[in-house]
Structures are given as structure tokens and as C-alpha cells.
Amino acid sequence: MWLDCAVIGGGPAGLNAALVLGRARRVAIVFDDNRPRNAVTRESHGFITRDGVGPKEFRRLAHGELANYPSVTVKPDRVVGVVRGQPGFLVQTGNGVIYRTRTVILATGLKETLPAVPGIREYYGISLFSCPYCDGWELRDKRLVVISDSSNAYHTAKIVRNWSGDILLCTNGANNVSAEQEGLLGRRGIRVNRSRIRALGGERGMLRRIAFEDGEEARREGGFVSPRWEQGAAFGEALGCQVAPSGGFVTDDYGRTTAIGVYAAGDASIITPSQLVIAAGEGSKAAIGVNMDLTNEDFYAY
């Protein structure tokens, strides 16, 4: 059986794409290996009617809603290869099954690399987060740290100032904040420590203190880090999808990549801001793009 669309990735982008495809009566399969980047996340915020929902609960609700559309199937399989066929695409899963599909939506998300700080994983997703818009409210008015060795350190520290007046920016040895920027931050009460972090201290994932190689020790109660991102799967580049300088796939307003028949949605295309509600909306747009293109293809085929 030919699929209208193979959706690779079962996060909010892929699931919402499947919902829109189902409502358009398109035959689609969502491939979900249940290895989400946000596995450490306890709650997701910023999505009206779903503020504070846990990732597992979100998936349960989404799968229940997709069950109402008989043309949509969710497969708990890992996709290991996608190649262009004649016509369409061949999608191969880890158990050796090959599916033929007219289009592909890449909702494979991202892989993240955290700053090189000893023990940072113990706190990530509990008291250290990557998105102020997702978790800033829960950390409001606390003594916060911004750990960033990337070029967005200055910008991130400015944004976090909306939630707390006590912020320490740690560059972890990187020369990524100019003297002028440090002065501007200082005027708003944001201090900068350029030394490498020697250790994080706390209990059960709750940050309490930071020890630096220069001998300083600072008491902190949580904060934000700036991960480095890369594509969660190599399928897109292999199919000829152009990658933007940010690391996301170049797409138009309907999720079309530079490779005909391949669409991208969610973190795979927009990188930041990384929010559940934005990813879901991107999935919806990509599904609309798929349906429009297939409709036009079929309409003018005779």
C-alpha cells in the first residue's frame, strides 16, 4: 500500500502533522521510536489548554485523538533509512520493513550537546533548563545562573532578567561577552564570571552552588544553559535538504524543504524558539503543505 505521507518523528510536530493529515483523509504513518530529546522534562509550558502537561501525558492524549482517524497509524518503529524511489520514497525501519510513500515529513527533532560542565546532566531538566519561556516562571525571583559558552550568552542573560533580578552569567572560559556587553549587563545587576566551572553542587537535581576554577563559589537556585544543536537524524541532508546556518532545514511557509516531496517541521526546521506549541503549529503547516501539493498533483494528473 502506498502512503500519502510518512511522518518521521512522534513529537508534537509529527503528531500534529498526523492529526491534520488524518482530518484531510490522507493515508499516513507516524514512525515514533519513543526517544524524545525532552525525556528529562517533567512539564511543558506555554501551550494554552495544555500548560504544565507532562510529555508522557501529552503523547497519550495525542495518540488517543489520532485513533479517531482510520487513515492514520502510529508505528513504534525506528526509521533507519529514507531513499528516493521512482516515484516517491522508500522508508525502511529497524525491523527491515520497507514502506512506500509519496511524501515525507521530517519531524526528527534535534540532538543537543550541553556545555562542558562536570555533572551538568544531573541538574538538566530539574533545575537547569534551556528555554526561559518554557521554565522561567517556575524559577521567578530565584538566584539564577546562565551557563553559556556560545555566542548567544549576552542575549540569553538579557532575556532571563525578565524573571529574576539576581543573575550570574557564566561563560565557562569562553570569550563570548565583550567588555561593552559586560558593562551593560552590570548596569542591570547581571554579573559575569568568565572562569571555567569546576563543579556544580546540590541534591536530587536541585542546584545549590557553583564552584569555579578561579576559586569563587556562588550560591544559585537554578538557571538556564545554552546547548549546541544538531539534526536528530541524517535523512534530510542525504535527501538533498538545504541546511540553514542555524542548523535547521530551510523551509518555506508550508514546511517544504529544498528537496521536492520532503517537508520538515518542529525543531528540525526552526531550531529556536523551541516550544511545544510552536512545534505543533509547524507540524500543522507542513501537513497542509503536503495535502495541497498532493491535491494539485492528483488534480492535474489526468
C-alpha atoms as a PDB file:
ATOM      1  CA  MET A   1       0.000   0.000   0.000  1.00  0.00           C
ATOM      2  CA  TRP A   2       1.218   3.448  -0.895  1.00  0.00           C
ATOM      3  CA  LEU A   3       1.211   6.047   1.845  1.00  0.00           C
ATOM      4  CA  ASP A   4       0.386   9.647   1.158  1.00  0.00           C
ATOM      5  CA  CYS A   5       2.880  10.678   3.808  1.00  0.00           C
ATOM      6  CA  ALA A   6       5.417   9.139   6.157  1.00  0.00           C
ATOM      7  CA  VAL A   7       5.876  11.291   9.241  1.00  0.00           C
ATOM      8  CA  ILE A   8       9.227  10.541  10.857  1.00  0.00           C
ATOM      9  CA  GLY A   9       9.155  11.555  14.493  1.00  0.00           C
ATOM     10  CA  GLY A  10       6.427  11.304  17.118  1.00  0.00           C
ATOM     11  CA  GLY A  11       6.916  14.560  18.988  1.00  0.00           C
ATOM     12  CA  PRO A  12       4.440  17.469  18.934  1.00  0.00           C
ATOM     13  CA  ALA A  13       5.338  18.417  15.348  1.00  0.00           C
ATOM     14  CA  GLY A  14       4.928  14.912  13.970  1.00  0.00           C
ATOM     15  CA  LEU A  15       1.778  14.169  15.947  1.00  0.00           C
ATOM     16  CA  ASN A  16       0.071  17.391  14.956  1.00  0.00           C
ATOM     17  CA  ALA A  17       1.042  16.828  11.329  1.00  0.00           C
ATOM     18  CA  ALA A  18      -0.568  13.393  11.521  1.00  0.00           C
ATOM     19  CA  LEU A  19      -3.727  14.888  13.008  1.00  0.00           C
ATOM     20  CA  VAL A  20      -4.117  17.366  10.153  1.00  0.00           C
ATOM     21  CA  LEU A  21      -3.346  14.674   7.572  1.00  0.00           C
ATOM     22  CA  GLY A  22      -5.928  12.385   9.128  1.00  0.00           C
ATOM     23  CA  ARG A  23      -8.555  15.091   9.044  1.00  0.00           C
ATOM     24  CA  ALA A  24      -7.701  15.591   5.352  1.00  0.00           C
ATOM     25  CA  ARG A  25      -8.304  11.844   4.822  1.00  0.00           C
ATOM     26  CA  ARG A  26      -4.689  11.230   3.874  1.00  0.00           C
ATOM     27  CA  VAL A  27      -3.108   7.823   4.470  1.00  0.00           C
ATOM     28  CA  ALA A  28      -0.216   8.465   6.819  1.00  0.00           C
ATOM     29  CA  ILE A  29       2.047   6.665   9.256  1.00  0.00           C
ATOM     30  CA  VAL A  30       3.869   8.276  12.161  1.00  0.00           C
ATOM     31  CA  PHE A  31       7.120   6.496  12.991  1.00  0.00           C
ATOM     32  CA  ASP A  32       7.964   7.031  16.649  1.00  0.00           C
ATOM     33  CA  ASP A  33      10.864   5.277  18.370  1.00  0.00           C
ATOM     34  CA  ASN A  34       9.981   6.992  21.673  1.00  0.00           C
ATOM     35  CA  ARG A  35      13.413   8.538  22.222  1.00  0.00           C
ATOM     36  CA  PRO A  36      12.485  12.191  22.722  1.00  0.00           C
ATOM     37  CA  ARG A  37      15.100  14.863  23.344  1.00  0.00           C
ATOM     38  CA  ASN A  38      12.925  16.161  26.191  1.00  0.00           C
ATOM     39  CA  ALA A  39      12.860  12.845  28.046  1.00  0.00           C
ATOM     40  CA  VAL A  40      14.124  14.633  31.179  1.00  0.00           C
ATOM     41  CA  THR A  41      11.307  17.190  31.008  1.00  0.00           C
ATOM     42  CA  ARG A  42       8.685  16.896  33.716  1.00  0.00           C
ATOM     43  CA  GLU A  43       6.276  19.529  32.429  1.00  0.00           C
ATOM     44  CA  SER A  44       5.784  21.500  29.209  1.00  0.00           C
ATOM     45  CA  HIS A  45       4.564  25.074  29.335  1.00  0.00           C
ATOM     46  CA  GLY A  46       3.302  27.822  27.056  1.00  0.00           C
ATOM     47  CA  PHE A  47       0.629  25.780  25.238  1.00  0.00           C
ATOM     48  CA  ILE A  48      -2.841  27.113  26.044  1.00  0.00           C
ATOM     49  CA  THR A  49      -5.154  24.373  27.443  1.00  0.00           C
ATOM     50  CA  ARG A  50      -2.067  22.174  27.960  1.00  0.00           C
ATOM     51  CA  ASP A  51       0.089  24.371  30.213  1.00  0.00           C
ATOM     52  CA  GLY A  52       2.014  22.125  32.604  1.00  0.00           C
ATOM     53  CA  VAL A  53       1.286  18.889  30.751  1.00  0.00           C
ATOM     54  CA  GLY A  54       3.896  16.162  31.081  1.00  0.00           C
ATOM     55  CA  PRO A  55       5.401  14.762  27.869  1.00  0.00           C
ATOM     56  CA  LYS A  56       4.038  11.258  28.512  1.00  0.00           C
ATOM     57  CA  GLU A  57       0.546  12.603  29.135  1.00  0.00           C
ATOM     58  CA  PHE A  58       0.764  14.744  26.001  1.00  0.00           C
ATOM     59  CA  ARG A  59       1.680  11.696  23.932  1.00  0.00           C
ATOM     60  CA  ARG A  60      -1.131   9.645  25.488  1.00  0.00           C
ATOM     61  CA  LEU A  61      -3.694  12.322  24.666  1.00  0.00           C
ATOM     62  CA  ALA A  62      -2.341  12.762  21.138  1.00  0.00           C
ATOM     63  CA  HIS A  63      -2.380   9.047  20.371  1.00  0.00           C
ATOM     64  CA  GLY A  64      -5.954   8.851  21.632  1.00  0.00           C
ATOM     65  CA  GLU A  65      -7.038  11.642  19.326  1.00  0.00           C
ATOM     66  CA  LEU A  66      -5.248  10.139  16.312  1.00  0.00           C
ATOM     67  CA  ALA A  67      -7.111   6.878  16.914  1.00  0.00           C
ATOM     68  CA  ASN A  68     -10.255   8.694  15.709  1.00  0.00           C
ATOM     69  CA  TYR A  69      -8.811   8.867  12.179  1.00  0.00           C
ATOM     70  CA  PRO A  70      -8.634   5.438  10.488  1.00  0.00           C
ATOM     71  CA  SER A  71      -6.227   6.559   7.766  1.00  0.00           C
ATOM     72  CA  VAL A  72      -3.507   7.386  10.338  1.00  0.00           C
ATOM     73  CA  THR A  73      -1.306   4.790  12.030  1.00  0.00           C
ATOM     74  CA  VAL A  74       1.304   5.283  14.740  1.00  0.00           C
ATOM     75  CA  LYS A  75       4.174   2.798  14.456  1.00  0.00           C
ATOM     76  CA  PRO A  76       6.593   2.357  17.389  1.00  0.00           C
ATOM     77  CA  ASP A  77       9.439   1.771  14.934  1.00  0.00           C
ATOM     78  CA  ARG A  78      12.756   3.457  14.314  1.00  0.00           C
ATOM     79  CA  VAL A  79      13.409   4.614  10.767  1.00  0.00           C
ATOM     80  CA  VAL A  80      16.922   3.692   9.647  1.00  0.00           C
ATOM     81  CA  GLY A  81      16.829   4.867   6.049  1.00  0.00           C
ATOM     82  CA  VAL A  82      14.939   7.017   3.561  1.00  0.00           C
ATOM     83  CA  VAL A  83      15.758   6.998  -0.141  1.00  0.00           C
ATOM     84  CA  ARG A  84      14.066   8.486  -3.129  1.00  0.00           C
ATOM     85  CA  GLY A  85      12.218   5.911  -5.214  1.00  0.00           C
ATOM     86  CA  GLN A  86      10.743   6.013  -8.688  1.00  0.00           C
ATOM     87  CA  PRO A  87       8.389   7.628  -7.813  1.00  0.00           C
ATOM     88  CA  GLY A  88       8.077   8.697  -4.178  1.00  0.00           C
ATOM     89  CA  PHE A  89      10.257   7.424  -1.351  1.00  0.00           C
ATOM     90  CA  LEU A  90      11.210   4.181   0.332  1.00  0.00           C
ATOM     91  CA  VAL A  91      11.256   4.288   4.125  1.00  0.00           C
ATOM     92  CA  GLN A  92      12.990   1.425   5.921  1.00  0.00           C
ATOM     93  CA  THR A  93      12.544   0.651   9.612  1.00  0.00           C
ATOM     94  CA  GLY A  94      14.883  -1.108  12.001  1.00  0.00           C
ATOM     95  CA  ASN A  95      12.972  -4.376  11.705  1.00  0.00           C
ATOM     96  CA  GLY A  96      13.535  -4.467   7.939  1.00  0.00           C
ATOM     97  CA  VAL A  97      10.066  -3.386   6.766  1.00  0.00           C
ATOM     98  CA  ILE A  98      10.026  -1.012   3.791  1.00  0.00           C
ATOM     99  CA  TYR A  99       7.165   1.440   3.222  1.00  0.00           C
ATOM    100  CA  ARG A 100       6.409   3.289   0.004  1.00  0.00           C
ATOM    101  CA  THR A 101       5.262   6.862   0.425  1.00  0.00           C
ATOM    102  CA  ARG A 102       4.551   9.811  -1.815  1.00  0.00           C
ATOM    103  CA  THR A 103       5.892  12.401   0.636  1.00  0.00           C
ATOM    104  CA  VAL A 104       7.926  12.586   3.824  1.00  0.00           C
ATOM    105  CA  ILE A 105       7.680  14.933   6.785  1.00  0.00           C
ATOM    106  CA  LEU A 106      10.870  15.124   8.825  1.00  0.00           C
ATOM    107  CA  ALA A 107       9.934  15.794  12.441  1.00  0.00           C
ATOM    108  CA  THR A 108      13.025  14.112  13.825  1.00  0.00           C
ATOM    109  CA  GLY A 109      13.922  16.911  16.211  1.00  0.00           C
ATOM    110  CA  LEU A 110      17.411  17.708  17.396  1.00  0.00           C
ATOM    111  CA  LYS A 111      20.319  16.299  19.315  1.00  0.00           C
ATOM    112  CA  GLU A 112      21.744  18.602  21.948  1.00  0.00           C
ATOM    113  CA  THR A 113      25.190  18.947  23.450  1.00  0.00           C
ATOM    114  CA  LEU A 114      25.304  20.692  26.815  1.00  0.00           C
ATOM    115  CA  PRO A 115      28.159  22.968  27.886  1.00  0.00           C
ATOM    116  CA  ALA A 116      31.215  21.070  29.120  1.00  0.00           C
ATOM    117  CA  VAL A 117      30.485  21.374  32.826  1.00  0.00           C
ATOM    118  CA  PRO A 118      31.078  18.419  35.173  1.00  0.00           C
ATOM    119  CA  GLY A 119      27.796  16.894  36.377  1.00  0.00           C
ATOM    120  CA  ILE A 120      25.522  19.210  34.414  1.00  0.00           C
ATOM    121  CA  ARG A 121      23.280  16.334  33.296  1.00  0.00           C
ATOM    122  CA  GLU A 122      22.307  15.675  36.921  1.00  0.00           C
ATOM    123  CA  TYR A 123      20.546  19.052  37.030  1.00  0.00           C
ATOM    124  CA  TYR A 124      19.308  19.409  33.469  1.00  0.00           C
ATOM    125  CA  GLY A 125      15.525  19.274  33.258  1.00  0.00           C
ATOM    126  CA  ILE A 126      15.143  19.630  37.044  1.00  0.00           C
ATOM    127  CA  SER A 127      16.671  22.985  37.968  1.00  0.00           C
ATOM    128  CA  LEU A 128      18.640  23.856  34.821  1.00  0.00           C
ATOM    129  CA  PHE A 129      16.735  24.334  31.565  1.00  0.00           C
ATOM    130  CA  SER A 130      17.304  25.531  28.011  1.00  0.00           C
ATOM    131  CA  CYS A 131      14.198  27.675  27.414  1.00  0.00           C
ATOM    132  CA  PRO A 132      13.316  30.661  29.648  1.00  0.00           C
ATOM    133  CA  TYR A 133       9.879  30.933  28.057  1.00  0.00           C
ATOM    134  CA  CYS A 134       9.161  27.318  28.997  1.00  0.00           C
ATOM    135  CA  ASP A 135      10.521  27.308  32.553  1.00  0.00           C
ATOM    136  CA  GLY A 136      11.254  30.896  33.595  1.00  0.00           C
ATOM    137  CA  TRP A 137       8.017  31.286  35.530  1.00  0.00           C
ATOM    138  CA  GLU A 138       8.860  28.376  37.811  1.00  0.00           C
ATOM    139  CA  LEU A 139      12.265  29.969  38.566  1.00  0.00           C
ATOM    140  CA  ARG A 140      10.990  33.510  39.075  1.00  0.00           C
ATOM    141  CA  ASP A 141      12.745  35.662  41.694  1.00  0.00           C
ATOM    142  CA  LYS A 142      15.347  32.983  42.457  1.00  0.00           C
ATOM    143  CA  ARG A 143      19.129  33.301  42.331  1.00  0.00           C
ATOM    144  CA  LEU A 144      19.742  32.168  38.770  1.00  0.00           C
ATOM    145  CA  VAL A 145      22.692  31.249  36.607  1.00  0.00           C
ATOM    146  CA  VAL A 146      23.033  31.400  32.840  1.00  0.00           C
ATOM    147  CA  ILE A 147      25.675  28.945  31.620  1.00  0.00           C
ATOM    148  CA  SER A 148      26.566  29.705  28.025  1.00  0.00           C
ATOM    149  CA  ASP A 149      29.794  29.296  26.103  1.00  0.00           C
ATOM    150  CA  SER A 150      28.071  30.207  22.820  1.00  0.00           C
ATOM    151  CA  SER A 151      27.533  33.492  21.004  1.00  0.00           C
ATOM    152  CA  ASN A 152      24.037  33.957  22.466  1.00  0.00           C
ATOM    153  CA  ALA A 153      25.253  34.339  26.070  1.00  0.00           C
ATOM    154  CA  TYR A 154      24.618  38.096  26.229  1.00  0.00           C
ATOM    155  CA  HIS A 155      21.164  37.806  24.659  1.00  0.00           C
ATOM    156  CA  THR A 156      20.131  34.924  26.941  1.00  0.00           C
ATOM    157  CA  ALA A 157      21.203  36.783  30.074  1.00  0.00           C
ATOM    158  CA  LYS A 158      19.160  39.821  28.997  1.00  0.00           C
ATOM    159  CA  ILE A 159      16.068  37.681  28.442  1.00  0.00           C
ATOM    160  CA  VAL A 160      16.373  35.820  31.759  1.00  0.00           C
ATOM    161  CA  ARG A 161      16.434  39.229  33.509  1.00  0.00           C
ATOM    162  CA  ASN A 162      12.640  39.274  32.995  1.00  0.00           C
ATOM    163  CA  TRP A 163      12.230  36.540  35.621  1.00  0.00           C
ATOM    164  CA  SER A 164      14.843  37.437  38.212  1.00  0.00           C
ATOM    165  CA  GLY A 165      16.920  40.365  39.381  1.00  0.00           C
ATOM    166  CA  ASP A 166      19.719  38.111  40.640  1.00  0.00           C
ATOM    167  CA  ILE A 167      21.551  36.614  37.683  1.00  0.00           C
ATOM    168  CA  LEU A 168      25.078  35.314  37.236  1.00  0.00           C
ATOM    169  CA  LEU A 169      26.285  34.770  33.659  1.00  0.00           C
ATOM    170  CA  CYS A 170      28.957  32.074  33.346  1.00  0.00           C
ATOM    171  CA  THR A 171      30.867  31.836  30.071  1.00  0.00           C
ATOM    172  CA  ASN A 172      32.757  28.729  31.267  1.00  0.00           C
ATOM    173  CA  GLY A 173      36.031  30.019  29.896  1.00  0.00           C
ATOM    174  CA  ALA A 174      34.689  31.230  26.558  1.00  0.00           C
ATOM    175  CA  ASN A 175      35.464  34.716  25.277  1.00  0.00           C
ATOM    176  CA  ASN A 176      31.885  35.345  24.121  1.00  0.00           C
ATOM    177  CA  VAL A 177      30.935  38.531  26.007  1.00  0.00           C
ATOM    178  CA  SER A 178      32.586  41.824  25.096  1.00  0.00           C
ATOM    179  CA  ALA A 179      33.677  44.384  27.681  1.00  0.00           C
ATOM    180  CA  GLU A 180      30.913  46.682  26.464  1.00  0.00           C
ATOM    181  CA  GLN A 181      28.297  43.939  26.869  1.00  0.00           C
ATOM    182  CA  GLU A 182      29.583  43.093  30.330  1.00  0.00           C
ATOM    183  CA  GLY A 183      29.221  46.738  31.302  1.00  0.00           C
ATOM    184  CA  LEU A 184      25.654  46.877  30.002  1.00  0.00           C
ATOM    185  CA  LEU A 185      24.752  43.715  31.893  1.00  0.00           C
ATOM    186  CA  GLY A 186      26.345  45.077  35.041  1.00  0.00           C
ATOM    187  CA  ARG A 187      24.113  48.139  34.934  1.00  0.00           C
ATOM    188  CA  ARG A 188      21.151  45.780  35.188  1.00  0.00           C
ATOM    189  CA  GLY A 189      22.693  43.835  38.059  1.00  0.00           C
ATOM    190  CA  ILE A 190      23.875  40.873  35.971  1.00  0.00           C
ATOM    191  CA  ARG A 191      27.367  39.784  36.930  1.00  0.00           C
ATOM    192  CA  VAL A 192      29.698  37.887  34.569  1.00  0.00           C
ATOM    193  CA  ASN A 193      32.176  35.184  35.596  1.00  0.00           C
ATOM    194  CA  ARG A 194      34.478  34.139  32.775  1.00  0.00           C
ATOM    195  CA  SER A 195      36.228  31.330  34.651  1.00  0.00           C
ATOM    196  CA  ARG A 196      35.616  27.674  33.929  1.00  0.00           C
ATOM    197  CA  ILE A 197      33.145  25.901  36.192  1.00  0.00           C
ATOM    198  CA  ARG A 198      34.859  23.300  38.346  1.00  0.00           C
ATOM    199  CA  ALA A 199      31.745  21.694  39.862  1.00  0.00           C
ATOM    200  CA  LEU A 200      28.021  22.044  40.434  1.00  0.00           C
ATOM    201  CA  GLY A 201      26.612  21.247  43.852  1.00  0.00           C
ATOM    202  CA  GLY A 202      23.136  20.320  45.032  1.00  0.00           C
ATOM    203  CA  GLU A 203      20.819  17.471  45.898  1.00  0.00           C
ATOM    204  CA  ARG A 204      18.409  15.412  43.762  1.00  0.00           C
ATOM    205  CA  GLY A 205      18.873  17.626  40.753  1.00  0.00           C
ATOM    206  CA  MET A 206      18.273  20.877  42.625  1.00  0.00           C
ATOM    207  CA  LEU A 207      21.173  23.252  42.091  1.00  0.00           C
ATOM    208  CA  ARG A 208      22.554  24.966  45.196  1.00  0.00           C
ATOM    209  CA  ARG A 209      26.061  26.189  44.390  1.00  0.00           C
ATOM    210  CA  ILE A 210      28.658  26.584  41.650  1.00  0.00           C
ATOM    211  CA  ALA A 211      32.399  26.265  42.178  1.00  0.00           C
ATOM    212  CA  PHE A 212      34.754  27.959  39.710  1.00  0.00           C
ATOM    213  CA  GLU A 213      38.360  27.253  38.845  1.00  0.00           C
ATOM    214  CA  ASP A 214      39.279  30.787  39.943  1.00  0.00           C
ATOM    215  CA  GLY A 215      38.271  29.844  43.492  1.00  0.00           C
ATOM    216  CA  GLU A 216      34.926  31.627  43.606  1.00  0.00           C
ATOM    217  CA  GLU A 217      31.842  29.797  44.838  1.00  0.00           C
ATOM    218  CA  ALA A 218      28.382  31.169  44.103  1.00  0.00           C
ATOM    219  CA  ARG A 219      25.069  30.141  45.584  1.00  0.00           C
ATOM    220  CA  ARG A 220      22.454  29.581  42.880  1.00  0.00           C
ATOM    221  CA  GLU A 221      18.978  28.002  42.859  1.00  0.00           C
ATOM    222  CA  GLY A 222      18.584  27.142  39.195  1.00  0.00           C
ATOM    223  CA  GLY A 223      19.006  28.655  35.788  1.00  0.00           C
ATOM    224  CA  PHE A 224      19.471  28.152  32.089  1.00  0.00           C
ATOM    225  CA  VAL A 225      22.062  26.652  29.772  1.00  0.00           C
ATOM    226  CA  SER A 226      22.722  27.111  26.068  1.00  0.00           C
ATOM    227  CA  PRO A 227      23.072  23.735  24.329  1.00  0.00           C
ATOM    228  CA  ARG A 228      24.532  23.286  20.889  1.00  0.00           C
ATOM    229  CA  TRP A 229      22.129  21.716  18.413  1.00  0.00           C
ATOM    230  CA  GLU A 230      22.444  19.304  15.509  1.00  0.00           C
ATOM    231  CA  GLN A 231      19.887  17.411  13.450  1.00  0.00           C
ATOM    232  CA  GLY A 232      18.404  14.365  15.171  1.00  0.00           C
ATOM    233  CA  ALA A 233      18.718  12.243  12.018  1.00  0.00           C
ATOM    234  CA  ALA A 234      20.758  12.358   8.823  1.00  0.00           C
ATOM    235  CA  PHE A 235      17.878  11.669   6.430  1.00  0.00           C
ATOM    236  CA  GLY A 236      17.291  15.255   5.363  1.00  0.00           C
ATOM    237  CA  GLU A 237      20.768  16.099   4.177  1.00  0.00           C
ATOM    238  CA  ALA A 238      21.034  12.738   2.412  1.00  0.00           C
ATOM    239  CA  LEU A 239      17.828  13.564   0.515  1.00  0.00           C
ATOM    240  CA  GLY A 240      19.194  16.956  -0.539  1.00  0.00           C
ATOM    241  CA  CYS A 241      17.573  19.266   2.009  1.00  0.00           C
ATOM    242  CA  GLN A 242      19.465  22.516   2.414  1.00  0.00           C
ATOM    243  CA  VAL A 243      20.552  23.359   5.957  1.00  0.00           C
ATOM    244  CA  ALA A 244      20.419  26.933   7.246  1.00  0.00           C
ATOM    245  CA  PRO A 245      23.318  28.478   9.215  1.00  0.00           C
ATOM    246  CA  SER A 246      21.275  27.911  12.386  1.00  0.00           C
ATOM    247  CA  GLY A 247      21.362  24.146  11.746  1.00  0.00           C
ATOM    248  CA  GLY A 248      17.697  23.782  10.812  1.00  0.00           C
ATOM    249  CA  PHE A 249      16.402  22.770   7.407  1.00  0.00           C
ATOM    250  CA  VAL A 250      15.498  25.604   5.080  1.00  0.00           C
ATOM    251  CA  THR A 251      11.707  25.548   4.591  1.00  0.00           C
ATOM    252  CA  ASP A 252       9.019  27.756   3.111  1.00  0.00           C
ATOM    253  CA  ASP A 253       5.780  28.787   4.795  1.00  0.00           C
ATOM    254  CA  TYR A 254       4.328  25.288   4.375  1.00  0.00           C
ATOM    255  CA  GLY A 255       7.284  23.249   5.536  1.00  0.00           C
ATOM    256  CA  ARG A 256       8.602  22.447   2.062  1.00  0.00           C
ATOM    257  CA  THR A 257      12.342  21.845   2.068  1.00  0.00           C
ATOM    258  CA  THR A 258      14.611  22.324  -0.926  1.00  0.00           C
ATOM    259  CA  ALA A 259      14.119  18.621  -1.767  1.00  0.00           C
ATOM    260  CA  ILE A 260      10.868  18.021  -3.653  1.00  0.00           C
ATOM    261  CA  GLY A 261       8.452  15.872  -1.674  1.00  0.00           C
ATOM    262  CA  VAL A 262      10.310  16.344   1.617  1.00  0.00           C
ATOM    263  CA  TYR A 263       8.897  18.592   4.330  1.00  0.00           C
ATOM    264  CA  ALA A 264      10.274  19.492   7.751  1.00  0.00           C
ATOM    265  CA  ALA A 265       8.544  20.606  10.922  1.00  0.00           C
ATOM    266  CA  GLY A 266       9.295  21.435  14.517  1.00  0.00           C
ATOM    267  CA  ASP A 267      12.786  21.746  15.916  1.00  0.00           C
ATOM    268  CA  ALA A 268      14.234  20.129  12.778  1.00  0.00           C
ATOM    269  CA  SER A 269      13.392  23.288  10.849  1.00  0.00           C
ATOM    270  CA  ILE A 270      13.111  26.202  13.266  1.00  0.00           C
ATOM    271  CA  ILE A 271      15.723  25.257  15.927  1.00  0.00           C
ATOM    272  CA  THR A 272      14.679  28.120  18.218  1.00  0.00           C
ATOM    273  CA  PRO A 273      12.483  29.110  19.877  1.00  0.00           C
ATOM    274  CA  SER A 274      11.922  25.513  20.906  1.00  0.00           C
ATOM    275  CA  GLN A 275       8.417  25.257  22.338  1.00  0.00           C
ATOM    276  CA  LEU A 276       5.783  22.559  22.210  1.00  0.00           C
ATOM    277  CA  VAL A 277       3.137  24.925  20.845  1.00  0.00           C
ATOM    278  CA  ILE A 278       5.430  26.204  18.069  1.00  0.00           C
ATOM    279  CA  ALA A 279       6.456  22.682  17.061  1.00  0.00           C
ATOM    280  CA  ALA A 280       2.808  21.608  16.910  1.00  0.00           C
ATOM    281  CA  GLY A 281       1.955  24.598  14.725  1.00  0.00           C
ATOM    282  CA  GLU A 282       4.864  23.836  12.412  1.00  0.00           C
ATOM    283  CA  GLY A 283       3.591  20.271  12.079  1.00  0.00           C
ATOM    284  CA  SER A 284       0.180  21.580  11.094  1.00  0.00           C
ATOM    285  CA  LYS A 285       1.654  23.830   8.403  1.00  0.00           C
ATOM    286  CA  ALA A 286       3.754  21.017   6.943  1.00  0.00           C
ATOM    287  CA  ALA A 287       0.714  18.738   6.768  1.00  0.00           C
ATOM    288  CA  ILE A 288      -1.256  21.445   4.977  1.00  0.00           C
ATOM    289  CA  GLY A 289       1.642  21.811   2.543  1.00  0.00           C
ATOM    290  CA  VAL A 290       1.624  18.055   1.890  1.00  0.00           C
ATOM    291  CA  ASN A 291      -2.108  17.978   1.310  1.00  0.00           C
ATOM    292  CA  MET A 292      -2.058  20.996  -1.033  1.00  0.00           C
ATOM    293  CA  ASP A 293       0.770  19.569  -3.115  1.00  0.00           C
ATOM    294  CA  LEU A 294      -0.751  16.096  -3.382  1.00  0.00           C
ATOM    295  CA  THR A 295      -4.130  17.603  -4.246  1.00  0.00           C
ATOM    296  CA  ASN A 296      -2.588  19.639  -7.070  1.00  0.00           C
ATOM    297  CA  GLU A 297      -0.598  16.653  -8.290  1.00  0.00           C
ATOM    298  CA  ASP A 298      -3.691  14.446  -8.459  1.00  0.00           C
ATOM    299  CA  PHE A 299      -5.950  17.175  -9.827  1.00  0.00           C
ATOM    300  CA  TYR A 300      -3.789  17.792 -12.871  1.00  0.00           C
ATOM    301  CA  ALA A 301      -2.724  14.176 -13.423  1.00  0.00           C
ATOM    302  CA  TYR A 302      -5.442  13.429 -15.953  1.00  0.00           C
END
